[in-house]
Amino acid sequence: MFAWVLAILITLGGVLALTRLPAEAYPEIAPPQVAVTTTYPGASAATVEATVTQVIEQQLTGLDHLLYFTSQSASDGSATITLTFQNGTSVDIASVQAQNRVTLAQPRLPTEVNQQGIRIAKVSAGFLGAIGLRAVPGGPSAPELNNLVASRVLDQVQRIPGVGTVVQFGSGSMPTSCAPTACRQPACSPRYGRRTPSSPPAPSAHSRPCRIRP
């Protein structure tokens, strides 16, 4: 009987102490991280690696309290470099130092990359949460859902206080096409729309553009 009473008292004491634990006093287990992201439109993964990722990496070496960094060059033209610092390093100071080093690399980057801009943000080592969207029969297709998320959801989520970065998986482009029979008409040109054989290849206000589905 005494053991049961003692166990109940210990349990109640633990529940009461749970709400009063100084969580801020716990040491940081995950090291702080800073991510450098940019995009090279129309470039392959090999081109991004050679002209963007490696150029930025050369300037990032030697940062204070830097443990290591990882990089990823994707086939959609995006480049991501994640820098990991020692525990106790101020992530704000680390972001400023990374920004200064990236500025030194910008003159060597392609013009298209500088026009897109280079984003430097604090990130977390793990995912806070994940949301999945599934295309159902009769509804928007998977490419349409990807475009909706990219244009209307990502920016809104990134503005939420406390959110470091948002990653979209499975993104793809939405194809635009018309029926192939529409481009077989004599008065329809696949590039310039409706025109007569003797007219110059110039767009018309009443033209009907056609694209052939591959």
Protein backbone atom coordinates (compact mmCIF):
# COMPACT_ATOMS: atom_id res chain seq x y z
CA MET A 1 0.00 0.00 0.00
CA PHE A 2 2.80 2.37 0.91
CA ALA A 3 4.46 1.72 -2.46
CA TRP A 4 1.27 2.65 -4.34
CA VAL A 5 0.92 5.90 -2.40
CA LEU A 6 4.55 6.76 -3.02
CA ALA A 7 4.23 6.06 -6.74
CA ILE A 8 1.14 8.27 -7.00
CA LEU A 9 2.88 11.13 -5.17
CA ILE A 10 5.91 10.88 -7.46
CA THR A 11 3.66 10.92 -10.52
CA LEU A 12 1.73 13.95 -9.31
CA GLY A 13 4.98 15.74 -8.49
CA GLY A 14 6.32 15.04 -11.96
CA VAL A 15 3.17 16.37 -13.62
CA LEU A 16 3.30 19.56 -11.56
CA ALA A 17 7.00 20.07 -12.25
CA LEU A 18 6.55 19.47 -15.98
CA THR A 19 4.90 22.86 -16.47
CA ARG A 20 7.61 24.67 -14.51
CA LEU A 21 10.75 23.21 -16.04
CA PRO A 22 13.14 25.95 -17.30
CA ALA A 23 13.36 24.78 -20.92
CA GLU A 24 15.46 27.85 -21.81
CA ALA A 25 18.22 26.54 -19.53
CA TYR A 26 18.67 23.38 -21.55
CA PRO A 27 21.73 23.39 -23.85
CA GLU A 28 21.26 23.63 -27.59
CA ILE A 29 21.66 20.14 -29.01
CA ALA A 30 21.22 20.91 -32.71
CA PRO A 31 23.97 23.15 -34.12
CA PRO A 32 22.88 26.42 -35.76
CA GLN A 33 22.61 26.39 -39.53
CA VAL A 34 22.45 29.01 -42.27
CA ALA A 35 21.24 28.25 -45.80
CA VAL A 36 22.30 30.04 -48.99
CA THR A 37 19.86 29.48 -51.86
CA THR A 38 19.66 30.83 -55.39
CA THR A 39 18.42 29.86 -58.85
CA TYR A 40 20.02 29.74 -62.29
CA PRO A 41 17.04 29.59 -64.70
CA GLY A 42 17.36 27.08 -67.51
CA ALA A 43 20.66 25.60 -66.31
CA SER A 44 21.32 21.92 -65.75
CA ALA A 45 22.57 20.48 -62.47
CA ALA A 46 26.14 20.21 -63.79
CA THR A 47 26.12 23.83 -64.96
CA VAL A 48 24.75 25.06 -61.63
CA GLU A 49 27.41 23.08 -59.78
CA ALA A 50 30.27 24.47 -61.87
CA THR A 51 29.18 28.10 -62.25
CA VAL A 52 27.24 28.81 -59.05
CA THR A 53 27.71 26.33 -56.22
CA GLN A 54 31.47 25.94 -56.42
CA VAL A 55 32.01 29.68 -56.84
CA ILE A 56 30.07 30.44 -53.65
CA GLU A 57 31.71 27.58 -51.75
CA GLN A 58 35.16 29.00 -52.42
CA GLN A 59 34.22 32.17 -50.56
CA LEU A 60 32.49 30.44 -47.65
CA THR A 61 35.54 28.56 -46.43
CA GLY A 62 37.15 30.05 -43.35
CA LEU A 63 34.04 31.42 -41.64
CA ASP A 64 34.27 31.73 -37.87
CA HIS A 65 33.13 28.61 -35.96
CA LEU A 66 32.14 26.84 -39.19
CA LEU A 67 32.04 23.06 -38.80
CA TYR A 68 31.12 22.01 -42.33
CA PHE A 69 28.75 22.81 -45.16
CA THR A 70 26.78 20.73 -47.62
CA SER A 71 25.58 21.75 -51.06
CA GLN A 72 22.97 20.57 -53.53
CA SER A 73 22.62 21.51 -57.20
CA ALA A 74 19.31 20.47 -58.76
CA SER A 75 18.25 19.99 -62.35
CA ASP A 76 15.68 22.79 -62.04
CA GLY A 77 18.50 25.35 -61.69
CA SER A 78 18.33 25.73 -57.91
CA ALA A 79 21.40 25.68 -55.68
CA THR A 80 21.37 25.27 -51.90
CA ILE A 81 24.35 25.47 -49.56
CA THR A 82 23.75 24.68 -45.87
CA LEU A 83 26.39 25.86 -43.41
CA THR A 84 26.61 24.23 -39.97
CA PHE A 85 28.30 26.09 -37.10
CA GLN A 86 29.47 25.11 -33.64
CA ASN A 87 27.01 25.08 -30.76
CA GLY A 88 26.81 28.44 -29.05
CA THR A 89 27.53 30.41 -32.23
CA SER A 90 25.21 33.37 -32.77
CA VAL A 91 23.20 32.51 -35.85
CA ASP A 92 22.61 36.22 -36.55
CA ILE A 93 26.35 36.93 -36.68
CA ALA A 94 26.89 33.82 -38.78
CA SER A 95 24.26 35.02 -41.26
CA VAL A 96 25.93 38.42 -41.58
CA GLN A 97 29.33 36.81 -42.16
CA ALA A 98 27.86 34.48 -44.78
CA GLN A 99 26.20 37.45 -46.48
CA ASN A 100 29.54 39.28 -46.67
CA ARG A 101 31.26 36.26 -48.21
CA VAL A 102 28.48 35.74 -50.76
CA THR A 103 28.79 39.40 -51.78
CA LEU A 104 32.43 38.72 -52.69
CA ALA A 105 31.34 35.87 -54.98
CA GLN A 106 28.60 37.78 -56.80
CA PRO A 107 30.86 39.38 -59.47
CA ARG A 108 31.87 35.87 -60.60
CA LEU A 109 28.32 34.54 -60.78
CA PRO A 110 26.22 34.55 -63.97
CA THR A 111 24.08 37.61 -64.57
CA GLU A 112 20.90 35.52 -64.42
CA VAL A 113 21.77 34.37 -60.90
CA ASN A 114 22.35 37.90 -59.63
CA GLN A 115 19.07 38.98 -61.17
CA GLN A 116 17.22 36.20 -59.35
CA GLY A 117 18.91 37.16 -56.09
CA ILE A 118 20.66 35.11 -53.41
CA ARG A 119 18.72 34.33 -50.24
CA ILE A 120 20.45 33.75 -46.91
CA ALA A 121 18.28 32.54 -44.05
CA LYS A 122 18.51 30.73 -40.72
CA VAL A 123 17.31 27.15 -40.93
CA SER A 124 16.68 24.27 -38.58
CA ALA A 125 18.30 20.87 -38.75
CA GLY A 126 14.93 19.09 -38.78
CA PHE A 127 11.42 19.49 -40.14
CA LEU A 128 8.79 21.08 -37.96
CA GLY A 129 5.95 19.58 -39.96
CA ALA A 130 4.88 18.34 -43.35
CA ILE A 131 1.70 18.80 -45.40
CA GLY A 132 0.78 16.46 -48.24
CA LEU A 133 -1.54 17.22 -51.14
CA ARG A 134 -2.93 14.49 -53.38
CA ALA A 135 -4.55 14.85 -56.79
CA VAL A 136 -7.93 13.09 -56.96
CA PRO A 137 -9.86 12.09 -60.08
CA GLY A 138 -11.94 14.98 -61.37
CA GLY A 139 -9.89 17.60 -59.50
CA PRO A 140 -6.69 19.50 -60.19
CA SER A 141 -3.82 17.41 -61.51
CA ALA A 142 -0.48 17.03 -59.72
CA PRO A 143 1.28 19.75 -61.83
CA GLU A 144 -1.64 22.12 -61.19
CA LEU A 145 -1.40 21.49 -57.43
CA ASN A 146 2.35 22.14 -57.55
CA ASN A 147 1.81 25.47 -59.30
CA LEU A 148 -0.89 26.47 -56.81
CA VAL A 149 1.35 25.68 -53.85
CA ALA A 150 4.32 27.53 -55.37
CA SER A 151 2.33 30.65 -56.26
CA ARG A 152 -0.15 30.96 -53.38
CA VAL A 153 1.00 28.91 -50.39
CA LEU A 154 4.80 29.00 -50.00
CA ASP A 155 5.12 32.77 -49.62
CA GLN A 156 2.31 32.90 -47.06
CA VAL A 157 3.83 30.12 -44.96
CA GLN A 158 7.30 31.71 -45.06
CA ARG A 159 5.85 34.92 -43.56
CA ILE A 160 4.70 33.09 -40.41
CA PRO A 161 6.85 34.17 -37.43
CA GLY A 162 9.33 31.48 -36.46
CA VAL A 163 9.38 29.72 -39.84
CA GLY A 164 12.91 29.55 -41.22
CA THR A 165 12.35 28.02 -44.62
CA VAL A 166 9.74 26.08 -46.56
CA VAL A 167 10.66 23.31 -49.00
CA GLN A 168 8.34 22.06 -51.72
CA PHE A 169 8.87 18.47 -52.82
CA GLY A 170 7.63 17.07 -56.09
CA SER A 171 7.42 20.44 -57.83
CA GLY A 172 7.01 20.42 -61.60
CA SER A 173 5.83 22.57 -64.46
CA MET A 174 2.29 22.52 -65.75
CA PRO A 175 2.19 21.85 -69.52
CA THR A 176 0.08 24.08 -71.74
CA SER A 177 -1.16 22.66 -75.03
CA CYS A 178 -4.13 22.47 -77.39
CA ALA A 179 -5.66 19.75 -79.51
CA PRO A 180 -3.32 18.66 -82.34
CA THR A 181 -6.20 18.86 -84.83
CA ALA A 182 -6.38 22.63 -84.31
CA CYS A 183 -2.90 23.07 -85.80
CA ARG A 184 -3.71 21.01 -88.88
CA GLN A 185 -6.05 23.68 -90.23
CA PRO A 186 -4.66 25.51 -93.30
CA ALA A 187 -5.28 28.94 -91.78
CA CYS A 188 -3.46 28.19 -88.55
CA SER A 189 0.27 28.53 -88.04
CA PRO A 190 1.89 26.79 -85.01
CA ARG A 191 3.88 29.93 -84.21
CA TYR A 192 2.06 33.00 -85.46
CA GLY A 193 -1.58 31.92 -85.46
CA ARG A 194 -4.05 32.65 -88.28
CA ARG A 195 -2.50 34.12 -91.44
CA THR A 196 -2.66 33.76 -95.19
CA PRO A 197 0.25 32.21 -97.15
CA SER A 198 1.21 35.59 -98.60
CA SER A 199 1.10 37.57 -95.35
CA PRO A 200 4.31 38.21 -93.36
CA PRO A 201 4.85 36.14 -90.22
CA ALA A 202 3.58 38.74 -87.77
CA PRO A 203 1.11 38.26 -84.89
CA SER A 204 -2.44 39.42 -85.51
CA ALA A 205 -5.02 40.78 -83.09
CA HIS A 206 -7.38 37.98 -84.16
CA SER A 207 -4.78 35.22 -84.36
CA ARG A 208 -5.18 31.92 -82.60
CA PRO A 209 -1.91 30.61 -81.18
CA CYS A 210 -1.44 26.88 -81.32
CA ARG A 211 0.99 24.56 -79.59
CA ILE A 212 1.39 20.93 -80.45
CA ARG A 213 1.33 18.45 -77.60
CA PRO A 214 4.56 16.38 -77.65
